[in-house]
Amino acid sequence: MSRSNGTAVADMAKELKTPNQLVGIPPELLAGLVGNMQVGKGQGELIRDEDVRFHDNPADKYYSLPQGTTYEAAISTFERKRAEANETHRFSRVYNYRPDDGAYATAQVMKERFGITVGRATPLPFGMSRPPELRSINIGYGKKAEVPWGEVEIPALKGAVAQLGATRHRNFGVVFELGVESPKKHRKEIEAFFDAVDQYLVNHSIYRGQALKGAEDLTFMNLSTFDPRQIVFSDEVTTQLDGAVMGLLRYPDSYRQSNISLKRAILLYGPYGTGKSSFGLMSAIEAVANGWTFLSATAGREGLKEVFQTAKLYEPAVVFVEDIDVHTPTATDKVAIAELLDVFDGIGGKGDKLVVIMTTNHIENVPAGMLRPGRLDFAVEINGLDRTGTEGLIRAVTPPGLLGDIDFDAVYNEMEGFQPAWVRATADRAKSFAIAREKGDLGNFKLTTWDLVNAARSLHPQLKLMKDASEGTPVEPFGQAFETKVRESIHGMNMVDWDGDKTGSLAIPASINS
């Protein structure tokens, strides 16, 4: 026992009113208690338990205990608290972000707060183990980072092991879960660590405000190669798209102040080549520029429910669903239609910032129940270009200086009703006419009204063929195809007895459902 601790024990003994209070108390325990309570003198480990209160005045030399506490009780209590402080506890927090997002945030915070961390092998049955894991994740288009996964030791917190993983949330799908197994004495540091990860995700999420593809497994879109100036619609369609989508993305505060909901669903319909998909890219650029998350759902690959769950995690968000009719394979597939309508009814709630843009080339295949007010806010038909749109698109897709003095009225007379894809084809084909006319000389190469008019005329037969052509026989869904084959195999099947005599036949009524 040190001299200082021995002196402290003697002082405490002098204050005892009854000597019997010291019976059975090992002097080293009492000395240890006193030593540990000499906070700031470098003796023993600092008390960090939240059940203990401290005063800040170094001039005060007293210890405050409840009235009537015996030395035996005080020593026993502090010994138990010391033992508890060193017992391993598990702390955990679930973050409503996708796992890769949470793992990246955790890696950055651990590096900042703790410096060196060490991956730890994960024990497996039969004495085996899985080596420490580093995941390569996408943090932007063409950008990757390696982040720890599984168990990671934190040397700065002796005995602490972080556990990076995932769990399934009933409303959001797969989300990030961070756990730490550590002596309880590190609790405050661990809670501060959890809070720092949360704050990092709020401020630096790799997904929020980005253009993405997918549902739970997300990839970044490359918008740098797309030029929205080359996408032109008729004046009427442009006005509708601005009011339905673009205005809301640009001025959400004004919409909110006008008591206009920031949650809406828009359906773009019309034939192939009218620019529906291109408008999706235009809205992606506008969304990212204004801090909205953009999610593109590839028809038939991801469940719409999971896409909308991701949108809820990272709102304000725009969800672009191309070919919505693909999610209802046939007009009589009542199960698929019901599921689709359930997803629509479950999209967000009051006060959400969620814009859903859908496209279809076959409006007749979209369930009627989806078109009613309350489920659909705007239905915008995108068809051929008007006179202004035709001129605008030709100028947009033709290099500067290549157009001569063009009579666009005459050009439009040959192109009236042309969809954007056909107007582009006209501009490209006109270059072929001009090069042939100039005998390959590009020195004075310019497009004329004649070039554009003849290019448009040359496309008329091809356009008629496309309109008259069948889109082919639709692929029969697997379930229906299987049922058809079974019926074909069984219908009219003869039943015979043991020696081959016919006893009857078997058929399946057409009214029986699969």
Protein backbone atom coordinates (compact mmCIF):
# COMPACT_ATOMS: atom_id res chain seq x y z
CA MET A 1 0.00 0.00 0.00
CA SER A 2 1.41 3.43 -0.89
CA ARG A 3 2.01 6.02 1.79
CA SER A 4 -0.64 8.36 0.38
CA ASN A 5 -3.26 5.63 0.27
CA GLY A 6 -2.32 4.47 3.77
CA THR A 7 -2.69 7.99 5.10
CA ALA A 8 -6.09 8.29 3.41
CA VAL A 9 -7.26 5.05 5.02
CA ALA A 10 -6.13 6.27 8.43
CA ASP A 11 -7.96 9.55 7.94
CA MET A 12 -11.16 7.74 6.98
CA ALA A 13 -10.82 5.42 9.99
CA LYS A 14 -10.52 8.36 12.38
CA GLU A 15 -13.88 9.66 11.11
CA LEU A 16 -15.66 6.40 11.91
CA LYS A 17 -18.10 6.63 14.80
CA THR A 18 -18.14 2.87 15.34
CA PRO A 19 -14.97 0.79 14.87
CA ASN A 20 -17.12 -2.22 13.99
CA GLN A 21 -17.81 -0.55 10.63
CA LEU A 22 -14.30 -1.51 9.54
CA VAL A 23 -14.67 -5.20 10.42
CA GLY A 24 -14.01 -7.45 7.39
CA ILE A 25 -12.94 -4.67 4.98
CA PRO A 26 -9.67 -5.58 3.25
CA PRO A 27 -7.37 -2.56 3.57
CA GLU A 28 -6.25 -2.91 -0.08
CA LEU A 29 -9.86 -2.49 -1.29
CA LEU A 30 -10.37 0.61 0.78
CA ALA A 31 -7.00 1.92 -0.39
CA GLY A 32 -7.95 1.16 -4.01
CA LEU A 33 -11.25 2.98 -3.61
CA VAL A 34 -9.55 6.03 -2.19
CA GLY A 35 -6.82 5.87 -4.83
CA ASN A 36 -9.33 5.69 -7.68
CA MET A 37 -11.20 8.64 -6.23
CA GLN A 38 -8.08 10.82 -6.34
CA VAL A 39 -9.23 12.16 -9.74
CA GLY A 40 -6.59 14.18 -11.52
CA LYS A 41 -3.62 12.80 -9.56
CA GLY A 42 -2.77 9.99 -11.99
CA GLN A 43 -3.70 7.19 -9.58
CA GLY A 44 -5.80 4.40 -11.04
CA GLU A 45 -8.37 4.66 -13.87
CA LEU A 46 -10.70 7.63 -14.13
CA ILE A 47 -14.31 6.99 -13.17
CA ARG A 48 -16.50 7.52 -16.24
CA ASP A 49 -19.74 5.89 -15.20
CA GLU A 50 -22.78 8.04 -15.89
CA ASP A 51 -24.25 7.05 -12.51
CA VAL A 52 -21.48 9.04 -10.75
CA ARG A 53 -21.70 12.83 -10.45
CA PHE A 54 -18.60 15.05 -10.23
CA HIS A 55 -18.06 18.62 -9.06
CA ASP A 56 -15.76 20.97 -10.92
CA ASN A 57 -14.18 22.89 -8.02
CA PRO A 58 -10.67 21.50 -7.34
CA ALA A 59 -10.68 23.28 -3.97
CA ASP A 60 -13.44 21.03 -2.70
CA LYS A 61 -11.85 17.93 -1.19
CA TYR A 62 -15.00 16.07 -0.26
CA TYR A 63 -16.73 13.01 -1.72
CA SER A 64 -20.50 13.10 -1.76
CA LEU A 65 -22.32 9.89 -0.85
CA PRO A 66 -25.96 9.23 0.14
CA GLN A 67 -26.73 9.85 3.83
CA GLY A 68 -26.19 6.72 5.95
CA THR A 69 -23.80 4.99 3.51
CA THR A 70 -21.33 2.68 5.25
CA TYR A 71 -17.78 2.17 4.06
CA GLU A 72 -18.62 -1.42 3.31
CA ALA A 73 -21.50 -0.35 1.05
CA ALA A 74 -19.46 2.38 -0.64
CA ILE A 75 -16.51 0.09 -1.33
CA SER A 76 -18.77 -2.73 -2.53
CA THR A 77 -20.73 -0.40 -4.81
CA PHE A 78 -17.64 1.10 -6.41
CA GLU A 79 -16.05 -2.31 -6.88
CA ARG A 80 -19.19 -3.51 -8.66
CA LYS A 81 -19.27 -0.36 -10.79
CA ARG A 82 -15.60 -0.83 -11.67
CA ALA A 83 -16.22 -4.44 -12.68
CA GLU A 84 -19.30 -3.42 -14.67
CA ALA A 85 -17.32 -0.71 -16.46
CA ASN A 86 -14.96 -3.36 -17.77
CA GLU A 87 -17.65 -5.85 -18.77
CA THR A 88 -18.26 -6.13 -22.51
CA HIS A 89 -21.56 -4.68 -23.72
CA ARG A 90 -22.99 -4.45 -27.24
CA PHE A 91 -24.15 -1.08 -28.50
CA SER A 92 -25.88 -0.70 -31.86
CA ARG A 93 -27.69 1.78 -34.05
CA VAL A 94 -29.67 1.36 -37.28
CA TYR A 95 -29.31 4.07 -39.92
CA ASN A 96 -31.96 4.64 -42.57
CA TYR A 97 -29.46 4.64 -45.40
CA ARG A 98 -28.39 1.92 -47.81
CA PRO A 99 -25.52 -0.25 -46.45
CA ASP A 100 -22.76 1.05 -48.76
CA ASP A 101 -23.68 4.60 -47.83
CA GLY A 102 -23.42 3.79 -44.12
CA ALA A 103 -20.17 1.86 -44.54
CA TYR A 104 -18.50 4.76 -46.34
CA ALA A 105 -19.63 7.24 -43.68
CA THR A 106 -18.39 4.93 -40.90
CA ALA A 107 -14.98 4.55 -42.56
CA GLN A 108 -14.55 8.32 -42.80
CA VAL A 109 -15.62 8.92 -39.19
CA MET A 110 -13.43 6.12 -37.80
CA LYS A 111 -10.43 7.54 -39.63
CA GLU A 112 -11.08 11.01 -38.24
CA ARG A 113 -11.89 10.03 -34.64
CA PHE A 114 -9.77 6.97 -33.98
CA GLY A 115 -6.96 7.01 -36.54
CA ILE A 116 -5.79 3.45 -37.07
CA THR A 117 -8.37 0.67 -37.17
CA VAL A 118 -7.70 -3.03 -37.72
CA GLY A 119 -9.94 -5.48 -39.58
CA ARG A 120 -10.67 -8.63 -37.60
CA ALA A 121 -11.37 -12.14 -38.86
CA THR A 122 -14.92 -13.36 -38.30
CA PRO A 123 -15.19 -16.73 -36.48
CA LEU A 124 -17.03 -19.50 -38.35
CA PRO A 125 -18.21 -22.95 -37.22
CA PHE A 126 -15.74 -25.83 -36.85
CA GLY A 127 -12.86 -23.57 -35.84
CA MET A 128 -12.73 -21.77 -39.18
CA SER A 129 -12.75 -18.02 -39.75
CA ARG A 130 -13.45 -15.49 -42.47
CA PRO A 131 -10.59 -13.02 -43.12
CA PRO A 132 -11.13 -9.28 -42.59
CA GLU A 133 -13.24 -7.83 -45.40
CA LEU A 134 -12.72 -4.69 -47.45
CA ARG A 135 -15.52 -3.79 -49.84
CA SER A 136 -15.00 -1.85 -53.05
CA ILE A 137 -18.01 0.43 -53.48
CA ASN A 138 -19.08 3.07 -55.97
CA ILE A 139 -19.09 6.57 -54.49
CA GLY A 140 -19.80 8.38 -57.77
CA TYR A 141 -19.82 7.69 -61.50
CA GLY A 142 -16.41 6.13 -62.21
CA LYS A 143 -15.30 6.64 -58.59
CA LYS A 144 -14.64 3.82 -56.13
CA ALA A 145 -13.52 3.51 -52.52
CA GLU A 146 -12.60 0.61 -50.28
CA VAL A 147 -14.43 0.44 -46.97
CA PRO A 148 -14.23 -2.05 -44.08
CA TRP A 149 -17.05 -4.51 -43.55
CA GLY A 150 -17.71 -7.00 -40.79
CA GLU A 151 -15.63 -6.64 -37.61
CA VAL A 152 -13.08 -3.86 -37.09
CA GLU A 153 -10.96 -3.36 -33.96
CA ILE A 154 -10.61 0.19 -32.59
CA PRO A 155 -7.23 0.36 -30.78
CA ALA A 156 -8.01 3.87 -29.46
CA LEU A 157 -10.81 2.31 -27.37
CA LYS A 158 -9.22 -0.66 -25.67
CA GLY A 159 -11.32 -3.78 -26.12
CA ALA A 160 -13.74 -2.15 -28.62
CA VAL A 161 -14.74 -3.91 -31.85
CA ALA A 162 -17.01 -2.24 -34.43
CA GLN A 163 -19.39 -4.40 -36.48
CA LEU A 164 -20.54 -3.08 -39.85
CA GLY A 165 -23.55 -4.88 -41.31
CA ALA A 166 -27.06 -4.63 -42.68
CA THR A 167 -30.57 -5.30 -41.47
CA ARG A 168 -33.99 -5.18 -43.08
CA HIS A 169 -36.35 -2.35 -42.17
CA ARG A 170 -40.06 -3.05 -42.66
CA ASN A 171 -40.62 0.29 -44.45
CA PHE A 172 -37.28 0.90 -46.16
CA GLY A 173 -35.84 -2.51 -47.05
CA VAL A 174 -32.14 -3.23 -46.45
CA VAL A 175 -30.45 -0.52 -44.36
CA PHE A 176 -27.13 -0.05 -42.56
CA GLU A 177 -26.55 -1.27 -39.00
CA LEU A 178 -23.52 -0.30 -36.93
CA GLY A 179 -22.69 -2.17 -33.74
CA VAL A 180 -19.83 -1.93 -31.25
CA GLU A 181 -18.84 -4.55 -28.66
CA SER A 182 -16.89 -2.75 -25.97
CA PRO A 183 -16.33 -2.37 -22.23
CA LYS A 184 -19.14 -0.23 -20.87
CA LYS A 185 -16.69 2.45 -19.78
CA HIS A 186 -16.41 3.52 -23.44
CA ARG A 187 -20.13 4.15 -23.74
CA LYS A 188 -19.93 7.93 -24.11
CA GLU A 189 -17.25 7.68 -26.80
CA ILE A 190 -19.32 5.10 -28.66
CA GLU A 191 -22.50 7.20 -28.53
CA ALA A 192 -20.49 10.16 -29.84
CA PHE A 193 -19.14 7.88 -32.60
CA PHE A 194 -22.68 6.84 -33.58
CA ASP A 195 -23.80 10.48 -33.63
CA ALA A 196 -20.84 11.47 -35.81
CA VAL A 197 -21.71 8.77 -38.37
CA ASP A 198 -25.30 10.01 -38.40
CA GLN A 199 -24.19 13.59 -38.96
CA TYR A 200 -21.81 12.55 -41.73
CA LEU A 201 -24.64 10.79 -43.55
CA VAL A 202 -26.87 13.85 -43.22
CA ASN A 203 -24.21 16.11 -44.71
CA HIS A 204 -22.23 13.82 -47.04
CA SER A 205 -24.40 10.88 -48.13
CA ILE A 206 -22.95 9.41 -51.33
CA TYR A 207 -26.47 8.87 -52.73
CA ARG A 208 -28.63 11.82 -51.72
CA GLY A 209 -28.89 14.41 -54.48
CA GLN A 210 -27.35 12.09 -57.10
CA ALA A 211 -28.69 10.40 -60.26
CA LEU A 212 -28.94 6.66 -59.66
CA LYS A 213 -30.16 3.43 -61.20
CA GLY A 214 -31.57 0.49 -59.30
CA ALA A 215 -33.55 -0.23 -56.16
CA GLU A 216 -31.41 -1.44 -53.23
CA ASP A 217 -28.22 -2.11 -55.20
CA LEU A 218 -27.52 1.34 -56.63
CA THR A 219 -25.26 2.53 -59.46
CA PHE A 220 -24.48 6.08 -60.51
CA MET A 221 -25.67 7.51 -63.82
CA ASN A 222 -23.41 9.39 -66.23
CA LEU A 223 -25.23 12.57 -67.24
CA SER A 224 -22.19 14.33 -68.67
CA THR A 225 -22.67 12.98 -72.21
CA PHE A 226 -26.31 14.06 -72.49
CA ASP A 227 -27.11 17.48 -73.96
CA PRO A 228 -30.65 18.56 -72.99
CA ARG A 229 -30.52 21.40 -75.54
CA GLN A 230 -30.94 18.81 -78.28
CA ILE A 231 -34.28 17.62 -76.88
CA VAL A 232 -37.20 19.64 -78.17
CA PHE A 233 -40.95 19.22 -77.70
CA SER A 234 -43.93 21.09 -79.05
CA ASP A 235 -44.80 24.33 -77.28
CA GLU A 236 -47.88 22.72 -75.73
CA VAL A 237 -45.98 19.72 -74.39
CA THR A 238 -43.16 21.91 -73.09
CA THR A 239 -45.66 24.00 -71.15
CA GLN A 240 -47.23 20.90 -69.60
CA LEU A 241 -43.87 19.37 -68.66
CA ASP A 242 -42.70 22.62 -67.07
CA GLY A 243 -45.84 22.84 -64.96
CA ALA A 244 -45.91 19.16 -64.03
CA VAL A 245 -42.22 18.51 -63.31
CA MET A 246 -39.60 21.15 -64.02
CA GLY A 247 -41.24 23.98 -62.10
CA LEU A 248 -41.65 21.81 -59.02
CA LEU A 249 -37.98 20.75 -59.09
CA ARG A 250 -36.79 24.33 -59.51
CA TYR A 251 -39.11 26.15 -57.12
CA PRO A 252 -40.29 23.72 -54.41
CA ASP A 253 -40.53 26.45 -51.77
CA SER A 254 -42.90 28.49 -53.92
CA TYR A 255 -45.09 25.43 -54.50
CA ARG A 256 -45.13 24.68 -50.77
CA GLN A 257 -45.99 28.28 -49.86
CA SER A 258 -48.85 28.08 -52.36
CA ASN A 259 -50.11 24.96 -50.58
CA ILE A 260 -49.32 22.76 -53.59
CA SER A 261 -48.22 19.22 -52.77
CA LEU A 262 -44.67 18.21 -53.64
CA LYS A 263 -45.85 14.63 -54.09
CA ARG A 264 -47.17 13.84 -57.55
CA ALA A 265 -47.30 11.19 -60.27
CA ILE A 266 -46.99 11.95 -63.98
CA LEU A 267 -47.58 9.63 -66.94
CA LEU A 268 -45.96 10.38 -70.31
CA TYR A 269 -47.54 8.45 -73.15
CA GLY A 270 -47.15 8.34 -76.90
CA PRO A 271 -45.47 6.32 -79.66
CA TYR A 272 -41.80 5.39 -79.92
CA GLY A 273 -39.27 8.13 -80.62
CA THR A 274 -41.15 11.07 -79.16
CA GLY A 275 -38.59 11.88 -76.44
CA LYS A 276 -40.13 10.29 -73.34
CA SER A 277 -36.87 8.62 -72.31
CA SER A 278 -34.92 11.77 -73.11
CA PHE A 279 -37.19 13.73 -70.81
CA GLY A 280 -36.17 11.31 -68.06
CA LEU A 281 -32.55 12.38 -68.55
CA MET A 282 -33.58 16.03 -68.68
CA SER A 283 -35.41 15.67 -65.36
CA ALA A 284 -32.38 13.86 -63.89
CA ILE A 285 -30.14 16.83 -64.70
CA GLU A 286 -32.70 19.25 -63.29
CA ALA A 287 -33.19 17.14 -60.15
CA VAL A 288 -29.48 16.92 -59.33
CA ALA A 289 -28.98 20.63 -60.02
CA ASN A 290 -31.65 21.41 -57.42
CA GLY A 291 -30.66 18.89 -54.74
CA TRP A 292 -33.19 16.15 -55.55
CA THR A 293 -32.22 12.47 -55.74
CA PHE A 294 -33.05 10.88 -59.10
CA LEU A 295 -33.81 7.14 -59.36
CA SER A 296 -34.23 5.40 -62.70
CA ALA A 297 -36.09 2.09 -62.48
CA THR A 298 -35.34 -0.34 -65.31
CA ALA A 299 -38.61 -1.93 -66.36
CA GLY A 300 -39.01 -5.47 -65.11
CA ARG A 301 -35.63 -5.68 -63.32
CA GLU A 302 -36.38 -4.12 -59.96
CA GLY A 303 -39.51 -4.34 -57.90
CA LEU A 304 -41.19 -0.95 -57.85
CA LYS A 305 -41.77 -1.27 -54.13
CA GLU A 306 -38.00 -1.39 -53.45
CA VAL A 307 -37.38 1.57 -55.78
CA PHE A 308 -39.90 3.69 -53.90
CA GLN A 309 -38.42 2.60 -50.57
CA THR A 310 -35.05 3.94 -51.70
CA ALA A 311 -36.70 7.16 -52.84
CA LYS A 312 -38.23 7.58 -49.37
CA LEU A 313 -34.77 7.16 -47.81
CA TYR A 314 -33.24 9.85 -50.00
CA GLU A 315 -36.03 12.30 -50.64
CA PRO A 316 -36.64 14.82 -52.03
CA ALA A 317 -36.57 12.37 -54.90
CA VAL A 318 -37.68 11.78 -58.47
CA VAL A 319 -38.50 8.23 -59.56
CA PHE A 320 -38.46 7.59 -63.32
CA VAL A 321 -40.19 4.36 -64.37
CA GLU A 322 -39.83 3.62 -68.06
CA ASP A 323 -42.45 1.41 -69.75
CA ILE A 324 -44.77 1.13 -66.77
CA ASP A 325 -46.96 -1.28 -68.73
CA VAL A 326 -44.15 -3.89 -68.55
CA HIS A 327 -44.99 -4.25 -64.84
CA THR A 328 -48.47 -5.51 -65.84
CA PRO A 329 -47.69 -8.21 -68.45
CA THR A 330 -51.29 -8.62 -69.61
CA ALA A 331 -54.46 -6.66 -69.16
CA THR A 332 -56.02 -9.71 -67.47
CA ASP A 333 -53.18 -10.29 -64.99
CA LYS A 334 -55.21 -9.19 -61.99
CA VAL A 335 -52.53 -10.11 -59.46
CA ALA A 336 -49.87 -7.96 -61.15
CA ILE A 337 -52.30 -5.07 -61.56
CA ALA A 338 -53.34 -5.29 -57.90
CA GLU A 339 -49.71 -5.28 -56.78
CA LEU A 340 -48.94 -2.28 -58.96
CA LEU A 341 -51.90 -0.32 -57.60
CA ASP A 342 -50.88 -1.23 -54.03
CA VAL A 343 -47.45 0.24 -54.71
CA PHE A 344 -49.08 3.41 -56.02
CA ASP A 345 -51.35 3.73 -53.03
CA GLY A 346 -48.35 3.32 -50.76
CA ILE A 347 -46.22 6.02 -52.41
CA GLY A 348 -45.25 8.42 -49.68
CA GLY A 349 -47.62 10.40 -47.56
CA LYS A 350 -48.67 13.93 -46.81
CA GLY A 351 -45.73 16.31 -46.80
CA ASP A 352 -43.46 14.01 -48.82
CA LYS A 353 -41.26 15.35 -51.61
CA LEU A 354 -41.62 12.63 -54.22
CA VAL A 355 -42.18 13.00 -57.96
CA VAL A 356 -42.95 9.86 -59.96
CA ILE A 357 -42.57 10.03 -63.75
CA MET A 358 -43.74 7.04 -65.80
CA THR A 359 -43.71 6.38 -69.52
CA THR A 360 -45.58 4.03 -71.80
CA ASN A 361 -45.78 3.41 -75.52
CA HIS A 362 -49.06 1.55 -74.99
CA ILE A 363 -51.51 3.60 -72.97
CA GLU A 364 -54.14 0.93 -73.64
CA ASN A 365 -52.18 -1.50 -71.44
CA VAL A 366 -52.08 0.76 -68.39
CA PRO A 367 -54.70 -0.32 -65.80
CA ALA A 368 -57.65 2.03 -65.62
CA GLY A 369 -57.39 2.11 -61.83
CA MET A 370 -53.99 3.78 -62.11
CA LEU A 371 -55.37 6.65 -64.16
CA ARG A 372 -57.90 7.94 -61.64
CA PRO A 373 -57.32 11.22 -59.79
CA GLY A 374 -55.51 10.62 -56.52
CA ARG A 375 -53.18 8.11 -58.14
CA LEU A 376 -52.22 10.12 -61.22
CA ASP A 377 -51.83 13.90 -61.21
CA PHE A 378 -50.81 14.53 -64.85
CA ALA A 379 -51.14 12.53 -68.07
CA VAL A 380 -49.12 14.19 -70.84
CA GLU A 381 -49.34 12.94 -74.42
CA ILE A 382 -46.04 13.36 -76.26
CA ASN A 383 -46.47 13.08 -80.00
CA GLY A 384 -45.28 14.85 -83.12
CA LEU A 385 -43.58 18.25 -83.08
CA ASP A 386 -45.28 21.49 -84.03
CA ARG A 387 -43.79 24.11 -86.40
CA THR A 388 -41.75 25.80 -83.65
CA GLY A 389 -40.50 22.52 -82.24
CA THR A 390 -39.48 21.22 -85.68
CA GLU A 391 -37.36 24.27 -86.42
CA GLY A 392 -35.93 24.29 -82.92
CA LEU A 393 -34.83 20.66 -83.08
CA ILE A 394 -33.26 21.00 -86.55
CA ARG A 395 -31.24 23.99 -85.32
CA ALA A 396 -30.29 22.13 -82.13
CA VAL A 397 -28.93 19.02 -83.88
CA THR A 398 -27.23 20.81 -86.79
CA PRO A 399 -23.69 22.17 -86.26
CA PRO A 400 -23.47 25.99 -86.21
CA GLY A 401 -22.97 27.55 -89.62
CA LEU A 402 -24.19 24.50 -91.51
CA LEU A 403 -27.71 25.83 -92.11
CA GLY A 404 -28.23 28.21 -94.98
CA ASP A 405 -31.25 30.45 -95.53
CA ILE A 406 -33.97 27.87 -94.75
CA ASP A 407 -37.69 28.19 -95.48
CA PHE A 408 -38.87 26.34 -92.39
CA ASP A 409 -42.53 26.67 -93.40
CA ALA A 410 -41.80 24.59 -96.50
CA VAL A 411 -39.75 22.13 -94.44
CA TYR A 412 -42.51 21.74 -91.86
CA ASN A 413 -45.09 21.05 -94.61
CA GLU A 414 -43.11 17.90 -95.42
CA MET A 415 -42.49 17.02 -91.75
CA GLU A 416 -45.81 17.82 -90.08
CA GLY A 417 -46.51 15.26 -87.37
CA PHE A 418 -42.94 13.98 -87.40
CA GLN A 419 -41.82 12.72 -84.03
CA PRO A 420 -38.46 14.00 -82.71
CA ALA A 421 -36.61 10.86 -83.78
CA TRP A 422 -37.77 11.40 -87.36
CA VAL A 423 -36.85 15.08 -87.34
CA ARG A 424 -33.33 14.09 -86.25
CA ALA A 425 -33.22 11.49 -89.02
CA THR A 426 -34.28 14.17 -91.51
CA ALA A 427 -31.44 16.49 -90.45
CA ASP A 428 -28.89 13.66 -90.73
CA ARG A 429 -30.21 12.51 -94.11
CA ALA A 430 -30.18 16.08 -95.44
CA LYS A 431 -26.41 16.13 -94.95
CA SER A 432 -26.14 13.13 -97.30
CA PHE A 433 -28.13 14.98 -99.97
CA ALA A 434 -25.94 18.07 -99.57
CA ILE A 435 -22.65 16.15 -99.79
CA ALA A 436 -23.85 14.40 -102.97
CA ARG A 437 -24.98 17.73 -104.45
CA GLU A 438 -21.61 19.35 -103.73
CA LYS A 439 -19.75 16.30 -105.13
CA GLY A 440 -17.99 15.79 -101.83
CA ASP A 441 -16.64 19.32 -101.60
CA LEU A 442 -17.08 20.43 -97.98
CA GLY A 443 -15.62 23.89 -98.53
CA ASN A 444 -18.96 25.60 -99.12
CA PHE A 445 -21.00 22.92 -97.48
CA LYS A 446 -24.39 24.20 -96.28
CA LEU A 447 -27.82 22.65 -95.92
CA THR A 448 -30.56 24.15 -98.05
CA THR A 449 -34.34 24.06 -97.91
CA TRP A 450 -34.21 21.60 -100.82
CA ASP A 451 -31.95 19.23 -98.84
CA LEU A 452 -34.29 19.16 -95.84
CA VAL A 453 -37.47 18.85 -97.89
CA ASN A 454 -36.12 15.97 -99.97
CA ALA A 455 -34.75 14.25 -96.88
CA ALA A 456 -38.17 14.46 -95.25
CA ARG A 457 -39.91 13.13 -98.37
CA SER A 458 -37.50 10.20 -98.53
CA LEU A 459 -38.55 9.20 -95.00
CA HIS A 460 -42.30 9.07 -95.73
CA PRO A 461 -42.31 5.48 -97.08
CA GLN A 462 -40.24 4.27 -94.12
CA LEU A 463 -42.57 6.03 -91.69
CA LYS A 464 -45.59 4.42 -93.34
CA LEU A 465 -43.97 0.98 -93.13
CA MET A 466 -43.33 1.47 -89.42
CA LYS A 467 -46.91 2.55 -88.75
CA ASP A 468 -48.32 -0.39 -90.69
CA ALA A 469 -45.92 -2.96 -89.27
CA SER A 470 -46.98 -5.24 -86.45
CA GLU A 471 -44.94 -5.11 -83.27
CA GLY A 472 -44.78 -8.88 -83.34
CA THR A 473 -46.43 -11.48 -81.18
CA PRO A 474 -46.06 -10.60 -77.52
CA VAL A 475 -44.12 -13.08 -75.45
CA GLU A 476 -46.50 -15.16 -73.40
CA PRO A 477 -45.72 -14.99 -69.66
CA PHE A 478 -44.18 -18.18 -68.30
CA GLY A 479 -47.16 -19.07 -66.11
CA GLN A 480 -49.60 -18.80 -69.00
CA ALA A 481 -47.30 -20.67 -71.38
CA PHE A 482 -46.90 -23.50 -68.88
CA GLU A 483 -50.67 -23.72 -68.39
CA THR A 484 -51.22 -23.79 -72.17
CA LYS A 485 -48.75 -26.65 -72.63
CA VAL A 486 -50.29 -28.65 -69.80
CA ARG A 487 -53.77 -28.21 -71.28
CA GLU A 488 -52.55 -29.22 -74.73
CA SER A 489 -50.92 -32.35 -73.27
CA ILE A 490 -53.82 -33.45 -71.08
CA HIS A 491 -56.89 -32.41 -73.08
CA GLY A 492 -58.42 -35.44 -74.73
CA MET A 493 -56.08 -37.89 -73.00
CA ASN A 494 -57.52 -41.43 -73.12
CA MET A 495 -57.72 -43.58 -70.00
CA VAL A 496 -57.29 -47.34 -70.42
CA ASP A 497 -57.46 -50.38 -68.15
CA TRP A 498 -54.71 -52.88 -67.42
CA ASP A 499 -54.97 -54.65 -70.78
CA GLY A 500 -55.34 -51.50 -72.92
CA ASP A 501 -59.11 -51.21 -73.26
CA LYS A 502 -60.33 -47.58 -73.37
CA THR A 503 -62.35 -46.69 -70.28
CA GLY A 504 -62.74 -42.92 -70.73
CA SER A 505 -60.94 -39.64 -71.49
CA LEU A 506 -59.65 -36.64 -69.53
CA ALA A 507 -60.09 -32.96 -70.29
CA ILE A 508 -59.57 -29.73 -68.34
CA PRO A 509 -62.42 -27.22 -68.58
CA ALA A 510 -61.29 -23.84 -69.93
CA SER A 511 -62.87 -22.12 -66.93
CA ILE A 512 -60.34 -23.58 -64.47
CA ASN A 513 -57.73 -20.98 -63.51
CA SER A 514 -54.09 -21.75 -62.90
